[in-house]
Structures are given as C-alpha cells and as structure tokens.
PDB file of N, CA and C in Angstrom:
ATOM      1  N   UNK A   1     -15.300   7.916  30.223  1.00  0.00           N
ATOM      2  CA  UNK A   1     -13.872   8.229  30.162  1.00  0.00           C
ATOM      3  C   UNK A   1     -13.579   9.013  28.884  1.00  0.00           C
ATOM      4  N   UNK A   2     -12.838  10.085  29.027  1.00  0.00           N
ATOM      5  CA  UNK A   2     -12.487  10.911  27.880  1.00  0.00           C
ATOM      6  C   UNK A   2     -11.442  10.203  27.016  1.00  0.00           C
ATOM      7  N   UNK A   3     -11.483  10.506  25.729  1.00  0.00           N
ATOM      8  CA  UNK A   3     -10.478   9.886  24.860  1.00  0.00           C
ATOM      9  C   UNK A   3      -9.183  10.698  24.909  1.00  0.00           C
ATOM     10  N   UNK A   4      -8.121  10.106  24.407  1.00  0.00           N
ATOM     11  CA  UNK A   4      -6.792  10.697  24.503  1.00  0.00           C
ATOM     12  C   UNK A   4      -6.725  12.080  23.851  1.00  0.00           C
ATOM     13  N   UNK A   5      -7.323  12.233  22.679  1.00  0.00           N
ATOM     14  CA  UNK A   5      -7.272  13.533  21.989  1.00  0.00           C
ATOM     15  C   UNK A   5      -7.989  14.627  22.779  1.00  0.00           C
ATOM     16  N   UNK A   6      -9.114  14.287  23.385  1.00  0.00           N
ATOM     17  CA  UNK A   6      -9.837  15.271  24.195  1.00  0.00           C
ATOM     18  C   UNK A   6      -9.011  15.678  25.415  1.00  0.00           C
ATOM     19  N   UNK A   7      -8.381  14.705  26.042  1.00  0.00           N
ATOM     20  CA  UNK A   7      -7.520  15.011  27.183  1.00  0.00           C
ATOM     21  C   UNK A   7      -6.356  15.900  26.765  1.00  0.00           C
ATOM     22  N   UNK A   8      -5.756  15.575  25.617  1.00  0.00           N
ATOM     23  CA  UNK A   8      -4.670  16.413  25.097  1.00  0.00           C
ATOM     24  C   UNK A   8      -5.162  17.847  24.874  1.00  0.00           C
ATOM     25  N   UNK A   9      -6.307  17.993  24.224  1.00  0.00           N
ATOM     26  CA  UNK A   9      -6.844  19.330  23.940  1.00  0.00           C
ATOM     27  C   UNK A   9      -7.126  20.102  25.223  1.00  0.00           C
ATOM     28  N   UNK A  10      -7.669  19.419  26.217  1.00  0.00           N
ATOM     29  CA  UNK A  10      -7.900  20.071  27.508  1.00  0.00           C
ATOM     30  C   UNK A  10      -6.575  20.508  28.132  1.00  0.00           C
ATOM     31  N   UNK A  11      -5.569  19.650  28.024  1.00  0.00           N
ATOM     32  CA  UNK A  11      -4.242  19.994  28.535  1.00  0.00           C
ATOM     33  C   UNK A  11      -3.666  21.204  27.836  1.00  0.00           C
ATOM     34  N   UNK A  12      -3.847  21.258  26.520  1.00  0.00           N
ATOM     35  CA  UNK A  12      -3.328  22.394  25.758  1.00  0.00           C
ATOM     36  C   UNK A  12      -4.012  23.689  26.183  1.00  0.00           C
ATOM     37  N   UNK A  13      -5.310  23.618  26.434  1.00  0.00           N
ATOM     38  CA  UNK A  13      -6.036  24.807  26.892  1.00  0.00           C
ATOM     39  C   UNK A  13      -5.453  25.326  28.203  1.00  0.00           C
ATOM     40  N   UNK A  14      -5.078  24.424  29.098  1.00  0.00           N
ATOM     41  CA  UNK A  14      -4.444  24.841  30.354  1.00  0.00           C
ATOM     42  C   UNK A  14      -3.042  25.401  30.092  1.00  0.00           C
ATOM     43  N   UNK A  15      -2.309  24.753  29.194  1.00  0.00           N
ATOM     44  CA  UNK A  15      -0.938  25.178  28.913  1.00  0.00           C
ATOM     45  C   UNK A  15      -0.902  26.616  28.404  1.00  0.00           C
ATOM     46  N   UNK A  16      -1.796  26.965  27.485  1.00  0.00           N
ATOM     47  CA  UNK A  16      -1.776  28.321  26.922  1.00  0.00           C
ATOM     48  C   UNK A  16      -2.179  29.370  27.958  1.00  0.00           C
ATOM     49  N   UNK A  17      -2.874  28.941  29.012  1.00  0.00           N
ATOM     50  CA  UNK A  17      -3.228  29.861  30.088  1.00  0.00           C
ATOM     51  C   UNK A  17      -2.137  29.926  31.160  1.00  0.00           C
ATOM     52  N   UNK A  18      -1.046  29.193  30.940  1.00  0.00           N
ATOM     53  CA  UNK A  18       0.044  29.188  31.897  1.00  0.00           C
ATOM     54  C   UNK A  18      -0.148  28.212  33.047  1.00  0.00           C
ATOM     55  N   UNK A  19      -1.137  27.359  32.945  1.00  0.00           N
ATOM     56  CA  UNK A  19      -1.435  26.367  33.984  1.00  0.00           C
ATOM     57  C   UNK A  19      -0.698  25.071  33.649  1.00  0.00           C
ATOM     58  N   UNK A  20       0.610  25.116  33.858  1.00  0.00           N
ATOM     59  CA  UNK A  20       1.489  24.043  33.410  1.00  0.00           C
ATOM     60  C   UNK A  20       1.244  22.740  34.158  1.00  0.00           C
ATOM     61  N   UNK A  21       1.057  22.804  35.468  1.00  0.00           N
ATOM     62  CA  UNK A  21       0.845  21.577  36.235  1.00  0.00           C
ATOM     63  C   UNK A  21      -0.413  20.845  35.767  1.00  0.00           C
ATOM     64  N   UNK A  22      -1.485  21.600  35.548  1.00  0.00           N
ATOM     65  CA  UNK A  22      -2.729  20.998  35.071  1.00  0.00           C
ATOM     66  C   UNK A  22      -2.535  20.399  33.683  1.00  0.00           C
ATOM     67  N   UNK A  23      -1.798  21.118  32.837  1.00  0.00           N
ATOM     68  CA  UNK A  23      -1.528  20.619  31.486  1.00  0.00           C
ATOM     69  C   UNK A  23      -0.768  19.301  31.535  1.00  0.00           C
ATOM     70  N   UNK A  24       0.254  19.240  32.361  1.00  0.00           N
ATOM     71  CA  UNK A  24       1.057  18.016  32.468  1.00  0.00           C
ATOM     72  C   UNK A  24       0.191  16.848  32.920  1.00  0.00           C
ATOM     73  N   UNK A  25      -0.660  17.082  33.901  1.00  0.00           N
ATOM     74  CA  UNK A  25      -1.551  16.030  34.382  1.00  0.00           C
ATOM     75  C   UNK A  25      -2.437  15.517  33.253  1.00  0.00           C
ATOM     76  N   UNK A  26      -2.997  16.425  32.476  1.00  0.00           N
ATOM     77  CA  UNK A  26      -3.878  16.021  31.376  1.00  0.00           C
ATOM     78  C   UNK A  26      -3.109  15.349  30.248  1.00  0.00           C
ATOM     79  N   UNK A  27      -1.909  15.837  29.928  1.00  0.00           N
ATOM     80  CA  UNK A  27      -1.102  15.184  28.892  1.00  0.00           C
ATOM     81  C   UNK A  27      -0.771  13.753  29.311  1.00  0.00           C
ATOM     82  N   UNK A  28      -0.428  13.583  30.584  1.00  0.00           N
ATOM     83  CA  UNK A  28      -0.110  12.230  31.063  1.00  0.00           C
ATOM     84  C   UNK A  28      -1.349  11.335  31.020  1.00  0.00           C
ATOM     85  N   UNK A  29      -2.496  11.890  31.340  1.00  0.00           N
ATOM     86  CA  UNK A  29      -3.744  11.121  31.239  1.00  0.00           C
ATOM     87  C   UNK A  29      -4.019  10.731  29.796  1.00  0.00           C
ATOM     88  N   UNK A  30      -3.774  11.649  28.881  1.00  0.00           N
ATOM     89  CA  UNK A  30      -3.953  11.348  27.459  1.00  0.00           C
ATOM     90  C   UNK A  30      -3.046  10.205  27.041  1.00  0.00           C
ATOM     91  N   UNK A  31      -1.823  10.220  27.526  1.00  0.00           N
ATOM     92  CA  UNK A  31      -0.867   9.181  27.148  1.00  0.00           C
ATOM     93  C   UNK A  31      -1.176   7.851  27.820  1.00  0.00           C
ATOM     94  N   UNK A  32      -1.818   7.883  28.984  1.00  0.00           N
ATOM     95  CA  UNK A  32      -2.282   6.637  29.594  1.00  0.00           C
ATOM     96  C   UNK A  32      -3.380   6.018  28.732  1.00  0.00           C
ATOM     97  N   UNK A  33      -4.208   6.879  28.133  1.00  0.00           N
ATOM     98  CA  UNK A  33      -5.278   6.399  27.260  1.00  0.00           C
ATOM     99  C   UNK A  33      -4.746   5.919  25.921  1.00  0.00           C
ATOM    100  N   UNK A  34      -3.700   6.579  25.412  1.00  0.00           N
ATOM    101  CA  UNK A  34      -3.108   6.210  24.119  1.00  0.00           C
ATOM    102  C   UNK A  34      -1.652   6.656  24.105  1.00  0.00           C
ATOM    103  N   UNK A  35      -0.752   5.730  24.384  1.00  0.00           N
ATOM    104  CA  UNK A  35       0.664   6.100  24.465  1.00  0.00           C
ATOM    105  C   UNK A  35       1.321   6.274  23.098  1.00  0.00           C
ATOM    106  N   UNK A  36       0.528   6.194  22.028  1.00  0.00           N
ATOM    107  CA  UNK A  36       1.057   6.454  20.687  1.00  0.00           C
ATOM    108  C   UNK A  36       0.624   7.823  20.155  1.00  0.00           C
ATOM    109  N   UNK A  37       0.002   8.638  20.981  1.00  0.00           N
ATOM    110  CA  UNK A  37      -0.454   9.965  20.565  1.00  0.00           C
ATOM    111  C   UNK A  37       0.742  10.913  20.576  1.00  0.00           C
ATOM    112  N   UNK A  38       1.383  11.030  19.420  1.00  0.00           N
ATOM    113  CA  UNK A  38       2.635  11.775  19.304  1.00  0.00           C
ATOM    114  C   UNK A  38       2.504  13.213  19.775  1.00  0.00           C
ATOM    115  N   UNK A  39       1.430  13.878  19.418  1.00  0.00           N
ATOM    116  CA  UNK A  39       1.265  15.286  19.784  1.00  0.00           C
ATOM    117  C   UNK A  39       1.256  15.474  21.302  1.00  0.00           C
ATOM    118  N   UNK A  40       0.768  14.483  22.026  1.00  0.00           N
ATOM    119  CA  UNK A  40       0.758  14.567  23.489  1.00  0.00           C
ATOM    120  C   UNK A  40       2.167  14.409  24.059  1.00  0.00           C
ATOM    121  N   UNK A  41       2.986  13.562  23.433  1.00  0.00           N
ATOM    122  CA  UNK A  41       4.382  13.446  23.872  1.00  0.00           C
ATOM    123  C   UNK A  41       5.119  14.762  23.639  1.00  0.00           C
ATOM    124  N   UNK A  42       4.874  15.383  22.485  1.00  0.00           N
ATOM    125  CA  UNK A  42       5.506  16.668  22.188  1.00  0.00           C
ATOM    126  C   UNK A  42       5.083  17.718  23.217  1.00  0.00           C
ATOM    127  N   UNK A  43       3.783  17.793  23.470  1.00  0.00           N
ATOM    128  CA  UNK A  43       3.265  18.771  24.417  1.00  0.00           C
ATOM    129  C   UNK A  43       3.804  18.513  25.824  1.00  0.00           C
ATOM    130  N   UNK A  44       3.869  17.247  26.213  1.00  0.00           N
ATOM    131  CA  UNK A  44       4.397  16.912  27.526  1.00  0.00           C
ATOM    132  C   UNK A  44       5.849  17.356  27.648  1.00  0.00           C
ATOM    133  N   UNK A  45       6.636  17.130  26.607  1.00  0.00           N
ATOM    134  CA  UNK A  45       8.047  17.544  26.665  1.00  0.00           C
ATOM    135  C   UNK A  45       8.166  19.057  26.830  1.00  0.00           C
ATOM    136  N   UNK A  46       7.338  19.809  26.119  1.00  0.00           N
ATOM    137  CA  UNK A  46       7.389  21.272  26.238  1.00  0.00           C
ATOM    138  C   UNK A  46       6.937  21.744  27.616  1.00  0.00           C
ATOM    139  N   UNK A  47       5.890  21.122  28.144  1.00  0.00           N
ATOM    140  CA  UNK A  47       5.385  21.523  29.459  1.00  0.00           C
ATOM    141  C   UNK A  47       6.398  21.183  30.561  1.00  0.00           C
ATOM    142  N   UNK A  48       7.000  20.009  30.471  1.00  0.00           N
ATOM    143  CA  UNK A  48       8.010  19.639  31.462  1.00  0.00           C
ATOM    144  C   UNK A  48       9.216  20.576  31.390  1.00  0.00           C
ATOM    145  N   UNK A  49       9.596  20.966  30.184  1.00  0.00           N
ATOM    146  CA  UNK A  49      10.702  21.913  30.032  1.00  0.00           C
ATOM    147  C   UNK A  49      10.339  23.261  30.653  1.00  0.00           C
ATOM    148  N   UNK A  50       9.105  23.679  30.489  1.00  0.00           N
ATOM    149  CA  UNK A  50       8.650  24.936  31.080  1.00  0.00           C
ATOM    150  C   UNK A  50       8.779  24.888  32.604  1.00  0.00           C
ATOM    151  N   UNK A  51       8.586  23.697  33.165  1.00  0.00           N
ATOM    152  CA  UNK A  51       8.701  23.507  34.614  1.00  0.00           C
ATOM    153  C   UNK A  51      10.145  23.185  35.011  1.00  0.00           C
ATOM    154  N   UNK A  52      11.049  23.236  34.047  1.00  0.00           N
ATOM    155  CA  UNK A  52      12.476  22.987  34.231  1.00  0.00           C
ATOM    156  C   UNK A  52      12.780  21.552  34.677  1.00  0.00           C
ATOM    157  N   UNK A  53      11.934  20.620  34.271  1.00  0.00           N
ATOM    158  CA  UNK A  53      12.181  19.197  34.504  1.00  0.00           C
ATOM    159  C   UNK A  53      12.771  18.624  33.217  1.00  0.00           C
ATOM    160  N   UNK A  54      14.033  18.992  32.980  1.00  0.00           N
ATOM    161  CA  UNK A  54      14.640  18.718  31.680  1.00  0.00           C
ATOM    162  C   UNK A  54      14.862  17.233  31.415  1.00  0.00           C
ATOM    163  N   UNK A  55      15.239  16.458  32.419  1.00  0.00           N
ATOM    164  CA  UNK A  55      15.450  15.027  32.177  1.00  0.00           C
ATOM    165  C   UNK A  55      14.149  14.366  31.723  1.00  0.00           C
ATOM    166  N   UNK A  56      13.059  14.682  32.391  1.00  0.00           N
ATOM    167  CA  UNK A  56      11.757  14.122  32.008  1.00  0.00           C
ATOM    168  C   UNK A  56      11.321  14.650  30.644  1.00  0.00           C
ATOM    169  N   UNK A  57      11.602  15.919  30.369  1.00  0.00           N
ATOM    170  CA  UNK A  57      11.264  16.508  29.064  1.00  0.00           C
ATOM    171  C   UNK A  57      12.025  15.804  27.948  1.00  0.00           C
ATOM    172  N   UNK A  58      13.285  15.512  28.191  1.00  0.00           N
ATOM    173  CA  UNK A  58      14.115  14.812  27.202  1.00  0.00           C
ATOM    174  C   UNK A  58      13.574  13.408  26.955  1.00  0.00           C
ATOM    175  N   UNK A  59      13.179  12.724  28.011  1.00  0.00           N
ATOM    176  CA  UNK A  59      12.613  11.383  27.840  1.00  0.00           C
ATOM    177  C   UNK A  59      11.328  11.429  27.007  1.00  0.00           C
ATOM    178  N   UNK A  60      10.486  12.414  27.257  1.00  0.00           N
ATOM    179  CA  UNK A  60       9.254  12.555  26.468  1.00  0.00           C
ATOM    180  C   UNK A  60       9.593  12.855  25.006  1.00  0.00           C
ATOM    181  N   UNK A  61      10.597  13.699  24.775  1.00  0.00           N
ATOM    182  CA  UNK A  61      11.009  14.021  23.413  1.00  0.00           C
ATOM    183  C   UNK A  61      11.576  12.787  22.707  1.00  0.00           C
ATOM    184  N   UNK A  62      12.287  11.970  23.430  1.00  0.00           N
ATOM    185  CA  UNK A  62      12.818  10.729  22.836  1.00  0.00           C
ATOM    186  C   UNK A  62      11.694   9.762  22.486  1.00  0.00           C
ATOM    187  N   UNK A  63      10.678   9.726  23.320  1.00  0.00           N
ATOM    188  CA  UNK A  63       9.515   8.867  23.014  1.00  0.00           C
ATOM    189  C   UNK A  63       8.816   9.363  21.748  1.00  0.00           C
ATOM    190  N   UNK A  64       8.721  10.682  21.610  1.00  0.00           N
ATOM    191  CA  UNK A  64       8.142  11.267  20.399  1.00  0.00           C
ATOM    192  C   UNK A  64       8.927  10.821  19.165  1.00  0.00           C
ATOM    193  N   UNK A  65      10.236  10.845  19.251  1.00  0.00           N
ATOM    194  CA  UNK A  65      11.075  10.448  18.118  1.00  0.00           C
ATOM    195  C   UNK A  65      10.888   8.965  17.789  1.00  0.00           C
ATOM    196  N   UNK A  66      10.667   8.141  18.812  1.00  0.00           N
ATOM    197  CA  UNK A  66      10.379   6.729  18.542  1.00  0.00           C
ATOM    198  C   UNK A  66       9.118   6.596  17.690  1.00  0.00           C
ATOM    199  N   UNK A  67       8.149   7.457  17.952  1.00  0.00           N
ATOM    200  CA  UNK A  67       6.882   7.408  17.217  1.00  0.00           C
ATOM    201  C   UNK A  67       6.974   8.058  15.849  1.00  0.00           C
ATOM    202  N   UNK A  68       7.778   9.110  15.735  1.00  0.00           N
ATOM    203  CA  UNK A  68       7.898   9.874  14.484  1.00  0.00           C
ATOM    204  C   UNK A  68       9.372  10.104  14.146  1.00  0.00           C
ATOM    205  N   UNK A  69      10.088   9.033  13.803  1.00  0.00           N
ATOM    206  CA  UNK A  69      11.529   9.166  13.592  1.00  0.00           C
ATOM    207  C   UNK A  69      11.912  10.039  12.397  1.00  0.00           C
ATOM    208  N   UNK A  70      11.006  10.247  11.464  1.00  0.00           N
ATOM    209  CA  UNK A  70      11.331  11.028  10.267  1.00  0.00           C
ATOM    210  C   UNK A  70      10.872  12.482  10.352  1.00  0.00           C
ATOM    211  N   UNK A  71      10.415  12.925  11.502  1.00  0.00           N
ATOM    212  CA  UNK A  71       9.947  14.298  11.670  1.00  0.00           C
ATOM    213  C   UNK A  71      11.093  15.183  12.150  1.00  0.00           C
ATOM    214  N   UNK A  72      11.570  16.101  11.304  1.00  0.00           N
ATOM    215  CA  UNK A  72      12.693  16.947  11.716  1.00  0.00           C
ATOM    216  C   UNK A  72      12.394  17.799  12.947  1.00  0.00           C
ATOM    217  N   UNK A  73      11.154  18.230  13.106  1.00  0.00           N
ATOM    218  CA  UNK A  73      10.826  19.069  14.258  1.00  0.00           C
ATOM    219  C   UNK A  73      10.955  18.308  15.574  1.00  0.00           C
ATOM    220  N   UNK A  74      10.695  17.019  15.547  1.00  0.00           N
ATOM    221  CA  UNK A  74      10.863  16.210  16.756  1.00  0.00           C
ATOM    222  C   UNK A  74      12.333  16.183  17.181  1.00  0.00           C
ATOM    223  N   UNK A  75      13.218  16.047  16.216  1.00  0.00           N
ATOM    224  CA  UNK A  75      14.657  16.039  16.508  1.00  0.00           C
ATOM    225  C   UNK A  75      15.137  17.423  16.923  1.00  0.00           C
ATOM    226  N   UNK A  76      14.562  18.461  16.326  1.00  0.00           N
ATOM    227  CA  UNK A  76      14.908  19.828  16.716  1.00  0.00           C
ATOM    228  C   UNK A  76      14.504  20.091  18.162  1.00  0.00           C
ATOM    229  N   UNK A  77      13.308  19.637  18.542  1.00  0.00           N
ATOM    230  CA  UNK A  77      12.844  19.789  19.917  1.00  0.00           C
ATOM    231  C   UNK A  77      13.796  19.075  20.878  1.00  0.00           C
ATOM    232  N   UNK A  78      14.180  17.856  20.541  1.00  0.00           N
ATOM    233  CA  UNK A  78      15.120  17.123  21.384  1.00  0.00           C
ATOM    234  C   UNK A  78      16.437  17.881  21.481  1.00  0.00           C
ATOM    235  N   UNK A  79      16.924  18.381  20.370  1.00  0.00           N
ATOM    236  CA  UNK A  79      18.183  19.128  20.369  1.00  0.00           C
ATOM    237  C   UNK A  79      18.112  20.341  21.303  1.00  0.00           C
ATOM    238  N   UNK A  80      17.010  21.057  21.235  1.00  0.00           N
ATOM    239  CA  UNK A  80      16.830  22.246  22.078  1.00  0.00           C
ATOM    240  C   UNK A  80      16.847  21.864  23.554  1.00  0.00           C
ATOM    241  N   UNK A  81      16.163  20.778  23.891  1.00  0.00           N
ATOM    242  CA  UNK A  81      16.110  20.328  25.283  1.00  0.00           C
ATOM    243  C   UNK A  81      17.476  19.858  25.777  1.00  0.00           C
ATOM    244  N   UNK A  82      18.179  19.117  24.929  1.00  0.00           N
ATOM    245  CA  UNK A  82      19.518  18.651  25.296  1.00  0.00           C
ATOM    246  C   UNK A  82      20.457  19.835  25.518  1.00  0.00           C
ATOM    247  N   UNK A  83      20.373  20.830  24.652  1.00  0.00           N
ATOM    248  CA  UNK A  83      21.211  22.019  24.803  1.00  0.00           C
ATOM    249  C   UNK A  83      20.886  22.742  26.108  1.00  0.00           C
ATOM    250  N   UNK A  84      19.607  22.876  26.389  1.00  0.00           N
ATOM    251  CA  UNK A  84      19.161  23.523  27.624  1.00  0.00           C
ATOM    252  C   UNK A  84      19.691  22.782  28.851  1.00  0.00           C
ATOM    253  N   UNK A  85      19.869  21.476  28.714  1.00  0.00           N
ATOM    254  CA  UNK A  85      20.342  20.636  29.810  1.00  0.00           C
ATOM    255  C   UNK A  85      21.867  20.521  29.831  1.00  0.00           C
ATOM    256  N   UNK A  86      22.536  21.279  28.968  1.00  0.00           N
ATOM    257  CA  UNK A  86      23.988  21.283  28.950  1.00  0.00           C
ATOM    258  C   UNK A  86      24.623  20.099  28.243  1.00  0.00           C
ATOM    259  N   UNK A  87      23.845  19.361  27.503  1.00  0.00           N
ATOM    260  CA  UNK A  87      24.327  18.169  26.805  1.00  0.00           C
ATOM    261  C   UNK A  87      24.626  18.543  25.349  1.00  0.00           C
ATOM    262  N   UNK A  88      25.671  19.337  25.164  1.00  0.00           N
ATOM    263  CA  UNK A  88      25.949  19.964  23.871  1.00  0.00           C
ATOM    264  C   UNK A  88      26.265  18.955  22.767  1.00  0.00           C
ATOM    265  N   UNK A  89      27.160  17.977  22.973  1.00  0.00           N
ATOM    266  CA  UNK A  89      27.425  17.030  21.875  1.00  0.00           C
ATOM    267  C   UNK A  89      26.161  16.276  21.435  1.00  0.00           C
ATOM    268  N   UNK A  90      25.340  15.871  22.404  1.00  0.00           N
ATOM    269  CA  UNK A  90      24.101  15.175  22.074  1.00  0.00           C
ATOM    270  C   UNK A  90      23.137  16.111  21.339  1.00  0.00           C
ATOM    271  N   UNK A  91      23.109  17.372  21.766  1.00  0.00           N
ATOM    272  CA  UNK A  91      22.248  18.365  21.115  1.00  0.00           C
ATOM    273  C   UNK A  91      22.677  18.577  19.670  1.00  0.00           C
ATOM    274  N   UNK A  92      23.982  18.660  19.445  1.00  0.00           N
ATOM    275  CA  UNK A  92      24.480  18.851  18.079  1.00  0.00           C
ATOM    276  C   UNK A  92      24.156  17.642  17.210  1.00  0.00           C
ATOM    277  N   UNK A  93      24.235  16.442  17.779  1.00  0.00           N
ATOM    278  CA  UNK A  93      23.901  15.238  17.013  1.00  0.00           C
ATOM    279  C   UNK A  93      22.423  15.242  16.629  1.00  0.00           C
ATOM    280  N   UNK A  94      21.553  15.592  17.573  1.00  0.00           N
ATOM    281  CA  UNK A  94      20.118  15.638  17.279  1.00  0.00           C
ATOM    282  C   UNK A  94      19.817  16.715  16.243  1.00  0.00           C
ATOM    283  N   UNK A  95      20.506  17.831  16.334  1.00  0.00           N
ATOM    284  CA  UNK A  95      20.327  18.905  15.355  1.00  0.00           C
ATOM    285  C   UNK A  95      20.766  18.447  13.966  1.00  0.00           C
ATOM    286  N   UNK A  96      21.850  17.698  13.908  1.00  0.00           N
ATOM    287  CA  UNK A  96      22.319  17.164  12.633  1.00  0.00           C
ATOM    288  C   UNK A  96      21.308  16.231  11.993  1.00  0.00           C
ATOM    289  N   UNK A  97      20.686  15.379  12.804  1.00  0.00           N
ATOM    290  CA  UNK A  97      19.648  14.488  12.289  1.00  0.00           C
ATOM    291  C   UNK A  97      18.487  15.314  11.750  1.00  0.00           C
ATOM    292  N   UNK A  98      18.092  16.338  12.495  1.00  0.00           N
ATOM    293  CA  UNK A  98      16.986  17.200  12.057  1.00  0.00           C
ATOM    294  C   UNK A  98      17.308  17.845  10.708  1.00  0.00           C
ATOM    295  N   UNK A  99      18.538  18.332  10.548  1.00  0.00           N
ATOM    296  CA  UNK A  99      18.917  18.970   9.274  1.00  0.00           C
ATOM    297  C   UNK A  99      18.909  17.974   8.132  1.00  0.00           C
ATOM    298  N   UNK A 100      19.397  16.760   8.368  1.00  0.00           N
ATOM    299  CA  UNK A 100      19.388  15.733   7.321  1.00  0.00           C
ATOM    300  C   UNK A 100      17.960  15.398   6.906  1.00  0.00           C
ATOM    301  N   UNK A 101      17.087  15.257   7.872  1.00  0.00           N
ATOM    302  CA  UNK A 101      15.692  14.949   7.563  1.00  0.00           C
ATOM    303  C   UNK A 101      15.027  16.097   6.818  1.00  0.00           C
ATOM    304  N   UNK A 102      15.342  17.317   7.219  1.00  0.00           N
ATOM    305  CA  UNK A 102      14.765  18.488   6.551  1.00  0.00           C
ATOM    306  C   UNK A 102      15.194  18.542   5.094  1.00  0.00           C
ATOM    307  N   UNK A 103      16.429  18.197   4.820  1.00  0.00           N
ATOM    308  CA  UNK A 103      16.939  18.229   3.441  1.00  0.00           C
ATOM    309  C   UNK A 103      16.259  17.174   2.569  1.00  0.00           C
ATOM    310  N   UNK A 104      15.810  16.088   3.181  1.00  0.00           N
ATOM    311  CA  UNK A 104      15.148  15.014   2.440  1.00  0.00           C
ATOM    312  C   UNK A 104      13.702  15.348   2.076  1.00  0.00           C
ATOM    313  N   UNK A 105      13.119  16.296   2.800  1.00  0.00           N
ATOM    314  CA  UNK A 105      11.713  16.623   2.561  1.00  0.00           C
ATOM    315  C   UNK A 105      11.564  17.481   1.307  1.00  0.00           C
ATOM    316  N   UNK A 106      10.464  17.268   0.581  1.00  0.00           N
ATOM    317  CA  UNK A 106      10.228  18.095  -0.602  1.00  0.00           C
ATOM    318  C   UNK A 106      10.019  19.554  -0.206  1.00  0.00           C
ATOM    319  N   UNK A 107      10.475  20.441  -1.045  1.00  0.00           N
ATOM    320  CA  UNK A 107      10.321  21.875  -0.780  1.00  0.00           C
ATOM    321  C   UNK A 107       8.896  22.298  -0.986  1.00  0.00           C
ATOM    322  N   UNK A 108       8.439  23.201  -0.123  1.00  0.00           N
ATOM    323  CA  UNK A 108       7.101  23.768  -0.253  1.00  0.00           C
ATOM    324  C   UNK A 108       7.046  24.658  -1.493  1.00  0.00           C
ATOM    325  N   UNK A 109       5.996  24.560  -2.263  1.00  0.00           N
ATOM    326  CA  UNK A 109       5.813  25.427  -3.418  1.00  0.00           C
ATOM    327  C   UNK A 109       6.573  25.008  -4.660  1.00  0.00           C
ATOM    328  N   UNK A 110       7.290  23.889  -4.579  1.00  0.00           N
ATOM    329  CA  UNK A 110       8.044  23.442  -5.761  1.00  0.00           C
ATOM    330  C   UNK A 110       7.191  22.582  -6.655  1.00  0.00           C
TER     331      UNK A 110
END
C-alpha cells in the first residue's frame, strides 16, 4: 500500500496534466491513508473547484483550516472558494482572517 505522501504526489502529477478526476481520486486515497495531510486537503479543494464542485471544495478548504488555523493562505483559499460560490459575506470574513494572520507573521528579509 502506498503512503499518503506518495498518493498525493501521484495526484499532483495528474492534476498538472489536467487529469482532474484522477487527481481527485488519488488525493482522496491519500487522505484515507492520512487525514491529517494538510497539503492533500489543499490540493483536493483546488481540484474540486476546477471541477466546479464548490460545496465539496469549500468543505475540503475548511478541513485544511482545522489542520492549519494559523496559515493565511489556507484562509485565502477558503475566501476565494466562498466568493466563487457567491457567499460574499463569508468570503470577506475569511479574507479578513487571512489578512490578520498575514500581519502577525514576521516580514521576510527583516
């Protein structure tokens, strides 16, 4: 049995070739092997959004935030998905969280 990271990497290889269905299958397999693999949740949310399955993409993005609540990019991804789904107030709230987290991070090169 392949490990979660290998499954994720295989899924990513399919995703970059435009093979979204195959990527989603592999990302889900990776998450069955390790449901704490944050990068796989992020990738799954992007792949589902590409397939216009926004509700499922949003759920995957929310799971990512549960795993990495202090990552501004996770909140930005959620905001983008919510906006795409017409959920503007929720998108603005997620964007606000992302901006607050970004301001807390040390500046690069300082």
